[in-house]
Amino acid sequence: MRADGTPARALVVDDEPAPAAAVGDSLRTDGWEVRVEHRGRSALIAVREFQPDVVVLDIMMPDIDGLDTLERIRAIRPEIRVLFLTALDGHDDRIAGLRAGGDDYLTKPFAIAELQARVRVLARTAAAIGRPADAQLQVGDLSVDKAAATAELAGSPLELTPTEFELLLLLANNAGKVLRRPQILEAVWGYDFGTESNVVEVYVSSLRRKLAPSAALSLETVRLVGYVLRVADASVIPTVIRGHTNAPAIVVGEVAADLIRGR
């Protein structure tokens, strides 16, 4: 359900009419308004016209494949949530889909109930992680604006998919704290993919590359436990301050130390 009370919208893109219709029908029974397209090019038109909240996207399509279609969708609607639904079930295929910016990856054949659950999770807002709506987060040289769903590293914008942003915000909110894999899955994706999925590892790897230029932060793997975003000045306790605006800022690292010292 959208904020205005209308049903959430799902765009289903699959070049095979029967599976596409089945997926569309299953989402309609779950309360979604659905549009079905069979080509990547028509899907791009639908993204503009239909304004979907979630796209369920096949990869193997004859005109534009799903990976290329996703790249073009992101150029139109960077915040949109995309679930790959495909027969490509290899390990490398999953990694390619997630690295291309997919928020989730489900292989055929699949259970209708699982598809419905995953699409519902993708429709959740970033508020599901449980942070204040007006929070401005500063961790070392990383600045995160939750309301705008944007982040900067040392003043330069970070290009993040919606799921990358939610994972980064979760780690930043818990800077210095080791987060276990099940905690991350529940907070960002809303459920546990199971031990065979490497979705967390793929997204952590992507974020690690994007945070590599930072002199203040390191995204570390704690073997057999989980992941932690460490700040160079780890002795500083996160501090909440108020500036000239009404939005609270949570400051971690050297900036907080300066504030504590009264600089």
Protein backbone atom coordinates (compact mmCIF):
# COMPACT_ATOMS: atom_id res chain seq x y z
CA MET A 1 0.00 0.00 0.00
CA ARG A 2 1.29 3.43 -0.95
CA ALA A 3 1.19 6.44 1.35
CA ASP A 4 -1.82 7.79 -0.54
CA GLY A 5 -3.78 4.59 0.13
CA THR A 6 -3.52 3.16 -3.38
CA PRO A 7 -2.09 -0.33 -4.03
CA ALA A 8 1.66 -0.64 -4.47
CA ARG A 9 2.70 -1.18 -8.09
CA ALA A 10 4.77 -4.02 -9.50
CA LEU A 11 6.15 -4.24 -13.01
CA VAL A 12 6.75 -7.80 -14.23
CA VAL A 13 9.17 -8.22 -17.15
CA ASP A 14 9.57 -11.64 -18.78
CA ASP A 15 9.69 -12.55 -22.47
CA GLU A 16 7.71 -15.76 -21.85
CA PRO A 17 3.98 -14.91 -21.63
CA ALA A 18 2.88 -17.83 -19.42
CA PRO A 19 5.39 -17.31 -16.57
CA ALA A 20 4.89 -13.55 -16.77
CA ALA A 21 1.13 -13.95 -16.44
CA ALA A 22 1.53 -16.37 -13.52
CA VAL A 23 3.80 -13.97 -11.66
CA GLY A 24 1.46 -11.08 -12.36
CA ASP A 25 -1.58 -13.01 -11.12
CA SER A 26 0.21 -14.07 -7.93
CA LEU A 27 1.08 -10.46 -7.12
CA ARG A 28 -2.44 -9.25 -7.87
CA THR A 29 -3.84 -11.76 -5.40
CA ASP A 30 -1.40 -10.29 -2.88
CA GLY A 31 -2.88 -6.82 -3.36
CA TRP A 32 -0.53 -5.34 -5.96
CA GLU A 33 -1.43 -3.31 -9.01
CA VAL A 34 0.50 -5.08 -11.77
CA ARG A 35 1.69 -4.32 -15.27
CA VAL A 36 3.32 -7.02 -17.41
CA GLU A 37 5.84 -6.40 -20.19
CA HIS A 38 7.72 -8.90 -22.38
CA ARG A 39 10.68 -6.87 -23.63
CA GLY A 40 13.35 -4.72 -22.04
CA ARG A 41 12.52 -1.71 -24.21
CA SER A 42 8.82 -1.79 -23.34
CA ALA A 43 9.78 -2.20 -19.67
CA LEU A 44 11.70 1.11 -19.82
CA ILE A 45 8.60 2.84 -21.16
CA ALA A 46 6.52 1.24 -18.41
CA VAL A 47 8.92 2.47 -15.72
CA ARG A 48 8.18 6.03 -16.85
CA GLU A 49 4.45 5.61 -17.42
CA PHE A 50 3.43 3.14 -14.69
CA GLN A 51 5.83 4.37 -11.99
CA PRO A 52 6.24 0.98 -10.28
CA ASP A 53 7.51 0.53 -6.75
CA VAL A 54 9.11 -2.85 -7.55
CA VAL A 55 10.26 -4.49 -10.78
CA VAL A 56 10.37 -8.28 -11.17
CA LEU A 57 12.85 -8.76 -13.98
CA ASP A 58 13.95 -11.73 -16.07
CA ILE A 59 17.54 -11.76 -17.33
CA MET A 60 17.36 -13.73 -20.58
CA MET A 61 15.36 -11.51 -22.95
CA PRO A 62 15.80 -11.15 -26.72
CA ASP A 63 16.11 -7.39 -27.21
CA ILE A 64 17.83 -6.05 -24.08
CA ASP A 65 18.89 -8.52 -21.42
CA GLY A 66 17.90 -8.02 -17.81
CA LEU A 67 21.27 -6.70 -16.66
CA ASP A 68 21.29 -3.98 -19.33
CA THR A 69 17.62 -3.24 -18.66
CA LEU A 70 18.38 -2.76 -14.97
CA GLU A 71 21.19 -0.32 -15.76
CA ARG A 72 18.79 1.74 -17.86
CA ILE A 73 16.06 1.54 -15.20
CA ARG A 74 18.50 2.91 -12.62
CA ALA A 75 19.18 5.87 -14.92
CA ILE A 76 15.44 6.64 -14.94
CA ARG A 77 14.52 5.70 -11.35
CA PRO A 78 17.62 5.07 -9.22
CA GLU A 79 15.55 4.36 -6.10
CA ILE A 80 13.41 1.60 -7.60
CA ARG A 81 13.63 -1.93 -6.13
CA VAL A 82 14.44 -4.76 -8.54
CA LEU A 83 14.08 -8.51 -8.05
CA PHE A 84 15.73 -10.74 -10.64
CA LEU A 85 13.51 -13.76 -11.36
CA THR A 86 15.39 -16.06 -13.72
CA ALA A 87 16.31 -19.60 -14.67
CA LEU A 88 20.00 -18.71 -14.38
CA ASP A 89 20.82 -20.43 -11.11
CA GLY A 90 24.63 -20.59 -11.19
CA HIS A 91 26.77 -19.03 -8.48
CA ASP A 92 28.37 -16.62 -10.95
CA ASP A 93 24.95 -15.66 -12.32
CA ARG A 94 23.74 -14.66 -8.86
CA ILE A 95 26.85 -12.59 -8.22
CA ALA A 96 26.52 -10.87 -11.62
CA GLY A 97 22.88 -9.99 -10.90
CA LEU A 98 23.59 -8.57 -7.47
CA ARG A 99 26.69 -6.68 -8.60
CA ALA A 100 24.68 -5.20 -11.45
CA GLY A 101 22.50 -3.58 -8.80
CA GLY A 102 19.72 -6.11 -8.27
CA ASP A 103 18.19 -5.92 -4.80
CA ASP A 104 17.26 -9.60 -4.72
CA TYR A 105 17.68 -12.72 -6.87
CA LEU A 106 15.21 -15.62 -7.09
CA THR A 107 15.62 -18.59 -9.40
CA LYS A 108 13.01 -20.58 -11.30
CA PRO A 109 11.25 -22.76 -10.36
CA PHE A 110 10.09 -20.93 -7.26
CA ALA A 111 7.33 -21.03 -4.67
CA ILE A 112 4.61 -18.40 -5.12
CA ALA A 113 4.60 -17.67 -1.40
CA GLU A 114 8.34 -16.97 -1.44
CA LEU A 115 8.02 -14.65 -4.43
CA GLN A 116 5.22 -12.73 -2.72
CA ALA A 117 7.23 -12.46 0.49
CA ARG A 118 10.35 -11.20 -1.26
CA VAL A 119 8.46 -8.60 -3.26
CA ARG A 120 6.71 -7.38 -0.10
CA VAL A 121 10.09 -7.00 1.59
CA LEU A 122 11.46 -4.96 -1.32
CA ALA A 123 8.49 -2.61 -1.02
CA ARG A 124 9.33 -1.73 2.55
CA THR A 125 10.78 1.69 3.13
CA ALA A 126 14.19 2.35 4.63
CA ALA A 127 12.40 3.02 7.92
CA ALA A 128 12.31 -0.73 8.46
CA ILE A 129 15.87 -0.50 9.77
CA GLY A 130 14.57 1.69 12.57
CA ARG A 131 16.34 5.02 12.36
CA PRO A 132 14.83 8.48 12.87
CA ALA A 133 13.35 10.06 9.73
CA ASP A 134 15.40 13.26 10.04
CA ALA A 135 18.72 11.73 11.10
CA GLN A 136 21.95 13.05 9.62
CA LEU A 137 24.72 10.57 10.25
CA GLN A 138 28.42 11.46 10.24
CA VAL A 139 30.87 8.57 10.68
CA GLY A 140 34.49 9.54 10.14
CA ASP A 141 34.56 11.10 6.66
CA LEU A 142 31.26 9.43 5.69
CA SER A 143 28.10 11.57 5.68
CA VAL A 144 24.70 9.88 5.33
CA ASP A 145 21.42 11.71 4.76
CA LYS A 146 18.62 9.27 5.55
CA ALA A 147 15.80 11.51 4.39
CA ALA A 148 17.41 12.04 0.98
CA ALA A 149 18.82 8.49 0.85
CA THR A 150 22.22 9.84 -0.16
CA ALA A 151 25.76 9.50 1.14
CA GLU A 152 29.05 11.31 0.67
CA LEU A 153 32.61 10.20 1.34
CA ALA A 154 35.01 13.06 2.11
CA GLY A 155 32.56 15.41 0.40
CA SER A 156 32.19 13.35 -2.78
CA PRO A 157 28.83 11.67 -3.54
CA LEU A 158 28.70 7.89 -3.36
CA GLU A 159 26.77 6.11 -6.11
CA LEU A 160 24.68 3.52 -4.26
CA THR A 161 21.79 1.26 -5.15
CA PRO A 162 18.85 1.36 -2.69
CA THR A 163 20.00 -1.84 -1.01
CA GLU A 164 23.61 -0.67 -0.83
CA PHE A 165 22.36 2.50 0.87
CA GLU A 166 20.36 0.57 3.47
CA LEU A 167 23.30 -1.73 4.21
CA LEU A 168 25.69 1.22 4.50
CA LEU A 169 23.29 3.02 6.84
CA LEU A 170 22.90 -0.06 9.00
CA LEU A 171 26.68 -0.42 9.31
CA ALA A 172 27.14 3.31 9.96
CA ASN A 173 24.43 3.32 12.63
CA ASN A 174 26.36 0.51 14.31
CA ALA A 175 29.91 1.74 13.64
CA GLY A 176 32.42 -0.22 15.73
CA LYS A 177 29.89 -2.98 16.44
CA VAL A 178 30.16 -6.40 14.82
CA LEU A 179 26.91 -7.29 13.05
CA ARG A 180 26.18 -10.96 12.46
CA ARG A 181 25.04 -12.11 9.06
CA PRO A 182 21.47 -13.01 10.23
CA GLN A 183 21.16 -9.53 11.78
CA ILE A 184 22.10 -7.92 8.48
CA LEU A 185 19.74 -10.10 6.48
CA GLU A 186 16.82 -9.33 8.77
CA ALA A 187 17.52 -5.59 8.90
CA VAL A 188 18.18 -5.00 5.20
CA TRP A 189 16.29 -7.75 3.40
CA GLY A 190 13.70 -8.67 6.02
CA TYR A 191 14.41 -12.40 6.07
CA ASP A 192 17.21 -14.98 6.00
CA PHE A 193 18.14 -16.24 2.53
CA GLY A 194 19.67 -19.38 4.01
CA THR A 195 23.25 -20.53 4.31
CA GLU A 196 23.71 -21.11 0.57
CA SER A 197 23.14 -17.47 -0.39
CA ASN A 198 26.08 -15.08 -0.58
CA VAL A 199 23.99 -11.92 -0.99
CA VAL A 200 25.53 -10.26 2.09
CA GLU A 201 29.07 -11.05 0.95
CA VAL A 202 28.40 -9.59 -2.50
CA TYR A 203 26.98 -6.35 -1.12
CA VAL A 204 29.71 -5.99 1.51
CA SER A 205 32.33 -6.46 -1.19
CA SER A 206 30.71 -3.74 -3.29
CA LEU A 207 30.55 -1.31 -0.36
CA ARG A 208 34.15 -2.09 0.60
CA ARG A 209 35.30 -1.03 -2.87
CA LYS A 210 33.31 2.20 -2.67
CA LEU A 211 34.64 3.03 0.80
CA ALA A 212 38.25 2.19 -0.10
CA PRO A 213 39.30 5.84 -0.60
CA SER A 214 38.38 6.65 3.02
CA ALA A 215 41.25 7.39 5.39
CA ALA A 216 39.00 7.09 8.43
CA LEU A 217 36.89 3.99 7.79
CA SER A 218 37.43 0.31 7.13
CA LEU A 219 34.74 -2.29 6.46
CA GLU A 220 36.11 -5.46 7.98
CA THR A 221 35.12 -9.11 7.99
CA VAL A 222 35.18 -10.79 11.39
CA ARG A 223 35.76 -14.41 10.45
CA LEU A 224 32.86 -16.75 11.30
CA VAL A 225 31.02 -13.88 12.99
CA GLY A 226 30.03 -11.02 10.68
CA TYR A 227 31.04 -7.53 9.57
CA VAL A 228 31.97 -4.25 11.23
CA LEU A 229 32.49 -0.69 10.04
CA ARG A 230 35.47 0.54 12.03
CA VAL A 231 36.39 4.19 12.58
CA ALA A 232 40.01 5.28 12.87
CA ASP A 233 39.36 6.89 16.27
CA ALA A 234 37.54 3.91 17.78
CA SER A 235 37.78 5.27 21.31
CA VAL A 236 35.26 8.02 20.66
CA ILE A 237 31.69 7.31 21.73
CA PRO A 238 28.95 8.28 19.23
CA THR A 239 27.48 11.64 20.20
CA VAL A 240 24.14 13.23 19.31
CA ILE A 241 24.27 16.96 18.70
CA ARG A 242 21.93 19.62 17.36
CA GLY A 243 22.99 22.24 14.87
CA HIS A 244 21.20 25.19 13.33
CA THR A 245 18.54 22.95 11.81
CA ASN A 246 15.95 20.83 13.56
CA ALA A 247 17.54 17.62 12.30
CA PRO A 248 19.68 15.79 14.86
CA ALA A 249 23.14 14.72 13.73
CA ILE A 250 24.76 11.58 15.05
CA VAL A 251 28.51 12.11 14.93
CA VAL A 252 31.11 9.38 15.24
CA GLY A 253 34.91 9.75 15.16
CA GLU A 254 37.14 12.79 15.14
CA VAL A 255 34.28 15.25 14.61
CA ALA A 256 32.61 14.02 17.79
CA ALA A 257 35.92 14.25 19.64
CA ASP A 258 36.30 17.89 18.64
CA LEU A 259 32.77 18.63 19.78
CA ILE A 260 33.37 16.95 23.13
CA ARG A 261 36.54 19.03 23.56
CA GLY A 262 34.57 22.18 22.73
CA ARG A 263 36.39 23.02 19.50
